[in-house]
C-alpha atoms as a PDB file:
ATOM      1  CA  MET A   1       8.655   9.350 -63.665  1.00  0.00           C
ATOM      2  CA  HIS A   2       9.844  12.021 -61.224  1.00  0.00           C
ATOM      3  CA  GLY A   3      12.898  12.655 -63.399  1.00  0.00           C
ATOM      4  CA  LEU A   4      10.702  13.495 -66.372  1.00  0.00           C
ATOM      5  CA  TRP A   5       8.586  15.825 -64.230  1.00  0.00           C
ATOM      6  CA  ALA A   6      11.678  17.675 -63.044  1.00  0.00           C
ATOM      7  CA  LEU A   7      13.116  17.812 -66.558  1.00  0.00           C
ATOM      8  CA  SER A   8       9.895  19.181 -68.024  1.00  0.00           C
ATOM      9  CA  SER A   9       9.318  21.759 -65.286  1.00  0.00           C
ATOM     10  CA  GLY A  10      12.341  23.713 -66.524  1.00  0.00           C
ATOM     11  CA  GLY A  11      10.734  24.677 -69.819  1.00  0.00           C
ATOM     12  CA  LEU A  12      12.922  26.146 -72.547  1.00  0.00           C
ATOM     13  CA  PHE A  13      15.155  28.379 -70.447  1.00  0.00           C
ATOM     14  CA  GLY A  14      14.955  26.812 -66.987  1.00  0.00           C
ATOM     15  CA  LEU A  15      14.292  28.200 -63.551  1.00  0.00           C
ATOM     16  CA  GLY A  16      17.818  29.526 -63.125  1.00  0.00           C
ATOM     17  CA  PRO A  17      20.924  28.047 -61.508  1.00  0.00           C
ATOM     18  CA  GLY A  18      20.178  26.901 -57.969  1.00  0.00           C
ATOM     19  CA  SER A  19      16.419  27.404 -58.339  1.00  0.00           C
ATOM     20  CA  SER A  20      15.402  23.772 -58.680  1.00  0.00           C
ATOM     21  CA  ARG A  21      12.443  22.715 -56.592  1.00  0.00           C
ATOM     22  CA  ALA A  22      12.714  18.989 -57.304  1.00  0.00           C
ATOM     23  CA  LYS A  23      16.143  18.492 -55.742  1.00  0.00           C
ATOM     24  CA  TRP A  24      14.819  19.604 -52.347  1.00  0.00           C
ATOM     25  CA  SER A  25      11.666  17.535 -52.266  1.00  0.00           C
ATOM     26  CA  TRP A  26      10.484  14.518 -54.196  1.00  0.00           C
ATOM     27  CA  LEU A  27      13.354  13.602 -56.554  1.00  0.00           C
ATOM     28  CA  PRO A  28      15.511  10.821 -55.037  1.00  0.00           C
ATOM     29  CA  HIS A  29      19.298  11.031 -55.459  1.00  0.00           C
ATOM     30  CA  ALA A  30      19.025  14.344 -57.277  1.00  0.00           C
ATOM     31  CA  ASP A  31      22.755  14.985 -56.998  1.00  0.00           C
ATOM     32  CA  SER A  32      23.836  11.728 -58.643  1.00  0.00           C
ATOM     33  CA  ASP A  33      21.312   9.485 -60.408  1.00  0.00           C
ATOM     34  CA  TYR A  34      18.964  12.273 -61.513  1.00  0.00           C
ATOM     35  CA  ILE A  35      21.406  15.136 -62.026  1.00  0.00           C
ATOM     36  CA  PHE A  36      20.434  15.439 -65.698  1.00  0.00           C
ATOM     37  CA  ALA A  37      16.857  16.167 -64.601  1.00  0.00           C
ATOM     38  CA  ILE A  38      18.145  18.927 -62.329  1.00  0.00           C
ATOM     39  CA  VAL A  39      20.232  20.360 -65.184  1.00  0.00           C
ATOM     40  CA  GLY A  40      17.098  20.380 -67.327  1.00  0.00           C
ATOM     41  CA  GLU A  41      15.045  22.016 -64.591  1.00  0.00           C
ATOM     42  CA  GLU A  42      17.577  24.723 -63.768  1.00  0.00           C
ATOM     43  CA  LEU A  43      18.966  25.418 -67.257  1.00  0.00           C
ATOM     44  CA  GLY A  44      15.988  24.386 -69.362  1.00  0.00           C
ATOM     45  CA  MET A  45      15.853  22.453 -72.583  1.00  0.00           C
ATOM     46  CA  PHE A  46      18.650  24.542 -74.071  1.00  0.00           C
ATOM     47  CA  GLY A  47      20.951  23.739 -71.146  1.00  0.00           C
ATOM     48  CA  ALA A  48      20.136  20.030 -71.365  1.00  0.00           C
ATOM     49  CA  ILE A  49      20.785  20.032 -75.115  1.00  0.00           C
ATOM     50  CA  ALA A  50      24.053  21.914 -74.548  1.00  0.00           C
ATOM     51  CA  LEU A  51      25.156  19.258 -72.052  1.00  0.00           C
ATOM     52  CA  ILE A  52      24.295  16.490 -74.522  1.00  0.00           C
ATOM     53  CA  ALA A  53      26.192  18.414 -77.222  1.00  0.00           C
ATOM     54  CA  LEU A  54      29.279  18.518 -74.984  1.00  0.00           C
ATOM     55  CA  PHE A  55      29.144  14.747 -74.530  1.00  0.00           C
ATOM     56  CA  ILE A  56      28.712  14.329 -78.304  1.00  0.00           C
ATOM     57  CA  ALA A  57      31.748  16.574 -78.888  1.00  0.00           C
ATOM     58  CA  LEU A  58      33.774  14.447 -76.460  1.00  0.00           C
ATOM     59  CA  ALA A  59      32.582  11.283 -78.219  1.00  0.00           C
ATOM     60  CA  VAL A  60      33.507  12.614 -81.667  1.00  0.00           C
ATOM     61  CA  THR A  61      36.948  13.662 -80.413  1.00  0.00           C
ATOM     62  CA  LEU A  62      37.640  10.273 -78.827  1.00  0.00           C
ATOM     63  CA  ILE A  63      36.445   8.394 -81.925  1.00  0.00           C
ATOM     64  CA  ARG A  64      38.678  10.573 -84.114  1.00  0.00           C
ATOM     65  CA  LEU A  65      41.643   9.802 -81.857  1.00  0.00           C
ATOM     66  CA  VAL A  66      40.909   6.062 -81.995  1.00  0.00           C
ATOM     67  CA  ARG A  67      40.827   6.145 -85.784  1.00  0.00           C
ATOM     68  CA  GLU A  68      44.041   8.122 -86.282  1.00  0.00           C
ATOM     69  CA  PHE A  69      46.430   6.406 -83.854  1.00  0.00           C
ATOM     70  CA  PRO A  70      48.611   3.660 -85.365  1.00  0.00           C
ATOM     71  CA  GLN A  71      49.459   1.798 -82.115  1.00  0.00           C
ATOM     72  CA  PRO A  72      46.877  -0.854 -81.169  1.00  0.00           C
ATOM     73  CA  LEU A  73      47.383  -0.378 -77.412  1.00  0.00           C
ATOM     74  CA  THR A  74      46.665   3.342 -77.641  1.00  0.00           C
ATOM     75  CA  ARG A  75      43.611   2.714 -79.780  1.00  0.00           C
ATOM     76  CA  VAL A  76      42.215   0.180 -77.300  1.00  0.00           C
ATOM     77  CA  LEU A  77      42.940   2.464 -74.352  1.00  0.00           C
ATOM     78  CA  ILE A  78      41.224   5.490 -75.896  1.00  0.00           C
ATOM     79  CA  GLY A  79      38.355   3.292 -77.091  1.00  0.00           C
ATOM     80  CA  GLY A  80      37.904   1.989 -73.559  1.00  0.00           C
ATOM     81  CA  VAL A  81      37.755   5.513 -72.159  1.00  0.00           C
ATOM     82  CA  PHE A  82      35.200   6.354 -74.862  1.00  0.00           C
ATOM     83  CA  VAL A  83      32.954   3.410 -73.986  1.00  0.00           C
ATOM     84  CA  TRP A  84      33.293   4.080 -70.267  1.00  0.00           C
ATOM     85  CA  ILE A  85      32.509   7.813 -70.202  1.00  0.00           C
ATOM     86  CA  ILE A  86      30.009   8.019 -73.057  1.00  0.00           C
ATOM     87  CA  GLY A  87      28.331   4.802 -71.897  1.00  0.00           C
ATOM     88  CA  GLN A  88      27.855   6.247 -68.414  1.00  0.00           C
ATOM     89  CA  ALA A  89      26.428   9.453 -69.851  1.00  0.00           C
ATOM     90  CA  PHE A  90      24.034   7.505 -72.079  1.00  0.00           C
ATOM     91  CA  VAL A  91      22.824   5.321 -69.210  1.00  0.00           C
ATOM     92  CA  ASN A  92      22.325   8.264 -66.839  1.00  0.00           C
ATOM     93  CA  ILE A  93      20.351  10.270 -69.398  1.00  0.00           C
ATOM     94  CA  ALA A  94      18.321   7.182 -70.351  1.00  0.00           C
ATOM     95  CA  VAL A  95      17.416   6.633 -66.679  1.00  0.00           C
ATOM     96  CA  VAL A  96      16.122  10.204 -66.386  1.00  0.00           C
ATOM     97  CA  LEU A  97      14.077   9.754 -69.580  1.00  0.00           C
ATOM     98  CA  ASN A  98      12.627   6.434 -68.261  1.00  0.00           C
ATOM     99  CA  VAL A  99      14.206   4.422 -71.081  1.00  0.00           C
ATOM    100  CA  LEU A 100      16.210   2.314 -68.591  1.00  0.00           C
ATOM    101  CA  PRO A 101      15.529   1.413 -64.961  1.00  0.00           C
ATOM    102  CA  VAL A 102      17.468   3.204 -62.232  1.00  0.00           C
ATOM    103  CA  LEU A 103      20.967   1.721 -62.253  1.00  0.00           C
ATOM    104  CA  GLY A 104      22.863   4.153 -60.027  1.00  0.00           C
ATOM    105  CA  VAL A 105      25.267   5.273 -62.752  1.00  0.00           C
ATOM    106  CA  PRO A 106      26.592   8.830 -62.282  1.00  0.00           C
ATOM    107  CA  LEU A 107      26.712  11.410 -65.060  1.00  0.00           C
ATOM    108  CA  PRO A 108      30.433  11.849 -65.824  1.00  0.00           C
ATOM    109  CA  PHE A 109      31.954  15.167 -64.701  1.00  0.00           C
ATOM    110  CA  ILE A 110      28.562  16.423 -63.416  1.00  0.00           C
ATOM    111  CA  SER A 111      27.286  14.122 -60.641  1.00  0.00           C
ATOM    112  CA  SER A 112      28.434  14.615 -57.078  1.00  0.00           C
ATOM    113  CA  GLY A 113      30.906  12.150 -55.684  1.00  0.00           C
ATOM    114  CA  GLY A 114      34.632  12.496 -55.507  1.00  0.00           C
ATOM    115  CA  SER A 115      35.815   9.054 -56.563  1.00  0.00           C
ATOM    116  CA  ALA A 116      33.891   8.971 -59.866  1.00  0.00           C
ATOM    117  CA  LEU A 117      35.045  12.483 -60.724  1.00  0.00           C
ATOM    118  CA  VAL A 118      38.681  11.657 -59.971  1.00  0.00           C
ATOM    119  CA  ALA A 119      38.475   8.465 -62.050  1.00  0.00           C
ATOM    120  CA  ASN A 120      36.949  10.344 -64.986  1.00  0.00           C
ATOM    121  CA  PHE A 121      39.605  13.046 -64.868  1.00  0.00           C
ATOM    122  CA  LEU A 122      42.354  10.412 -64.622  1.00  0.00           C
ATOM    123  CA  ALA A 123      40.958   8.642 -67.689  1.00  0.00           C
ATOM    124  CA  ILE A 124      40.907  11.870 -69.703  1.00  0.00           C
ATOM    125  CA  GLY A 125      44.408  12.631 -68.412  1.00  0.00           C
ATOM    126  CA  VAL A 126      45.649   9.283 -69.728  1.00  0.00           C
ATOM    127  CA  VAL A 127      44.126  10.073 -73.130  1.00  0.00           C
ATOM    128  CA  ILE A 128      45.797  13.492 -73.165  1.00  0.00           C
ATOM    129  CA  SER A 129      49.097  11.865 -72.191  1.00  0.00           C
ATOM    130  CA  CYS A 130      48.781   9.406 -75.081  1.00  0.00           C
ATOM    131  CA  VAL A 131      48.123  12.251 -77.507  1.00  0.00           C
ATOM    132  CA  ARG A 132      51.085  14.282 -76.244  1.00  0.00           C
ATOM    133  CA  HIS A 133      53.360  11.234 -76.333  1.00  0.00           C
ATOM    134  CA  GLU A 134      52.334  10.502 -79.924  1.00  0.00           C
ATOM    135  CA  GLU A 135      52.955  14.109 -80.983  1.00  0.00           C
ATOM    136  CA  ARG A 136      56.370  14.142 -79.321  1.00  0.00           C
ATOM    137  CA  TYR A 137      57.703  10.719 -80.337  1.00  0.00           C
ATOM    138  CA  GLY A 138      55.354   9.576 -83.092  1.00  0.00           C
END
């Protein structure tokens, strides 16, 4: 419930970057589990929608890559990265919106924590490597 309160307190345009009140008081794990609520509070509804649009753009790009690659291994690898990153984003946003219970899943590329960020960047790096390899030798 606290995630929805923080998300709604941002209004349309938000309180401004760094101006969140919820992350300093009553919102637990504001830097990881509830980071989408903080994005909504600081950047408003438009910032939250922009973040969702970026994840949708990543999803569309990964699905397009899965459909166009002829090698099954590459398709499975890119599909796995798609399910991993977009699934984490879906679960984190659903937790903030009270659709799912708190599961402790970070929001990819946004939540604090070095190991999750490094793993996400490595996964995207593998996808980029597959694309470059296909363009060079395909």
